[in-house]
Amino acid sequence: MTKTDGITQIMIDAMERLCVVPATQSFTMIYRAAIEVHWDNVLCCLYAPKPREWSYMQWFQQIITGVESEYGCSLRLQPDTKWKSVPPDLQADIVDWMNERSEPSA
């Protein structure tokens, strides 16, 4: 059975990294997956590097799918998820993608 955790915040920080803050879980060993996703012990968040070839959306997908494959934990948006420095079009893309993932398969 898959664990779930809420996402309390999604932000683009001062270093232009995409950061995802889970509500309760810590993913300190995510770097071992070799997917360029890391854990910030100070901010208690998962983060991806500043985009180069990949977009922020691709990095968001990498974070979510990496946590699922490495930890068996499904991160979910919450009604009170906070957005900081995330452009509205990226926010809409994230919400749409997360909603598509949560819909039951036909």
Protein backbone atom coordinates (compact mmCIF):
# COMPACT_ATOMS: atom_id res chain seq x y z
CA MET A 1 0.00 0.00 0.00
CA THR A 2 1.27 3.42 -0.95
CA LYS A 3 1.75 6.08 1.71
CA THR A 4 0.54 9.58 0.96
CA ASP A 5 1.67 12.96 2.22
CA GLY A 6 0.44 16.43 1.48
CA ILE A 7 2.45 19.16 -0.17
CA THR A 8 2.43 22.26 2.03
CA GLN A 9 4.36 24.50 -0.35
CA ILE A 10 5.80 24.63 -3.86
CA MET A 11 8.31 27.38 -4.51
CA ILE A 12 11.08 28.60 -6.73
CA ASP A 13 13.80 29.76 -4.35
CA ALA A 14 16.44 32.48 -4.66
CA MET A 15 18.79 30.00 -6.37
CA GLU A 16 16.04 29.27 -8.95
CA ARG A 17 15.58 25.72 -7.66
CA LEU A 18 12.13 24.16 -7.67
CA CYS A 19 11.32 23.16 -4.09
CA VAL A 20 8.51 20.91 -2.84
CA VAL A 21 7.75 20.93 0.89
CA PRO A 22 6.01 17.76 2.15
CA ALA A 23 3.67 18.05 5.13
CA THR A 24 5.12 15.32 7.36
CA GLN A 25 7.68 13.12 5.58
CA SER A 26 11.43 13.59 5.17
CA PHE A 27 13.24 12.19 2.15
CA THR A 28 16.84 12.65 3.25
CA MET A 29 18.23 9.80 1.14
CA ILE A 30 16.54 10.74 -2.17
CA TYR A 31 19.94 11.65 -3.63
CA ARG A 32 20.75 7.93 -3.71
CA ALA A 33 18.26 7.52 -6.55
CA ALA A 34 20.67 9.47 -8.82
CA ILE A 35 17.83 11.53 -10.32
CA GLU A 36 19.30 14.95 -9.45
CA VAL A 37 16.68 15.48 -6.73
CA HIS A 38 17.93 16.32 -3.25
CA TRP A 39 16.66 17.03 0.27
CA ASP A 40 17.33 20.36 1.99
CA ASN A 41 17.60 19.74 5.76
CA VAL A 42 17.19 23.43 6.60
CA LEU A 43 14.08 24.11 4.51
CA CYS A 44 12.78 20.51 4.90
CA CYS A 45 12.07 20.28 1.20
CA LEU A 46 12.84 18.30 -1.89
CA TYR A 47 14.56 20.34 -4.57
CA ALA A 48 15.74 20.06 -8.13
CA PRO A 49 18.56 22.05 -9.71
CA LYS A 50 18.01 25.27 -11.60
CA PRO A 51 16.57 24.22 -14.97
CA ARG A 52 19.03 23.76 -17.80
CA GLU A 53 17.67 21.36 -20.42
CA TRP A 54 14.58 20.46 -18.39
CA SER A 55 11.70 22.79 -17.53
CA TYR A 56 10.38 23.38 -14.02
CA MET A 57 7.43 21.15 -14.93
CA GLN A 58 9.73 18.28 -15.87
CA TRP A 59 11.62 18.72 -12.59
CA PHE A 60 8.36 18.73 -10.64
CA GLN A 61 7.40 15.45 -12.31
CA GLN A 62 10.87 14.06 -11.51
CA ILE A 63 10.44 14.93 -7.81
CA ILE A 64 6.96 13.40 -7.54
CA THR A 65 7.76 10.20 -9.45
CA GLY A 66 11.15 9.85 -7.72
CA VAL A 67 9.56 9.95 -4.26
CA GLU A 68 6.98 7.40 -5.37
CA SER A 69 9.54 4.97 -6.76
CA GLU A 70 12.14 5.36 -4.00
CA TYR A 71 9.90 5.74 -0.94
CA GLY A 72 6.51 4.39 -2.03
CA CYS A 73 5.01 7.73 -1.01
CA SER A 74 2.52 9.66 -3.09
CA LEU A 75 2.78 13.43 -2.63
CA ARG A 76 -0.53 15.24 -3.10
CA LEU A 77 -1.56 18.84 -3.50
CA GLN A 78 -3.79 20.10 -0.69
CA PRO A 79 -6.43 22.85 -0.77
CA ASP A 80 -4.04 24.98 1.32
CA THR A 81 -0.84 24.24 -0.61
CA LYS A 82 1.09 27.52 -0.76
CA TRP A 83 2.78 28.74 -3.93
CA LYS A 84 5.79 31.04 -3.73
CA SER A 85 7.40 32.60 -6.81
CA VAL A 86 5.70 30.03 -9.07
CA PRO A 87 4.37 31.61 -12.29
CA PRO A 88 0.61 31.14 -12.79
CA ASP A 89 1.06 29.06 -15.97
CA LEU A 90 3.41 26.64 -14.19
CA GLN A 91 1.05 26.47 -11.21
CA ALA A 92 -1.83 25.59 -13.57
CA ASP A 93 0.28 22.93 -15.32
CA ILE A 94 1.23 21.36 -11.98
CA VAL A 95 -2.39 21.32 -10.78
CA ASP A 96 -3.59 19.80 -14.07
CA TRP A 97 -0.90 17.11 -14.04
CA MET A 98 -1.56 16.21 -10.41
CA ASN A 99 -5.30 16.02 -11.07
CA GLU A 100 -4.74 13.73 -14.07
CA ARG A 101 -2.61 11.43 -11.90
CA SER A 102 -5.23 11.20 -9.17
CA GLU A 103 -8.07 10.24 -11.53
CA PRO A 104 -8.89 6.55 -11.49
CA SER A 105 -7.86 4.65 -14.63
CA ALA A 106 -10.68 3.60 -16.91
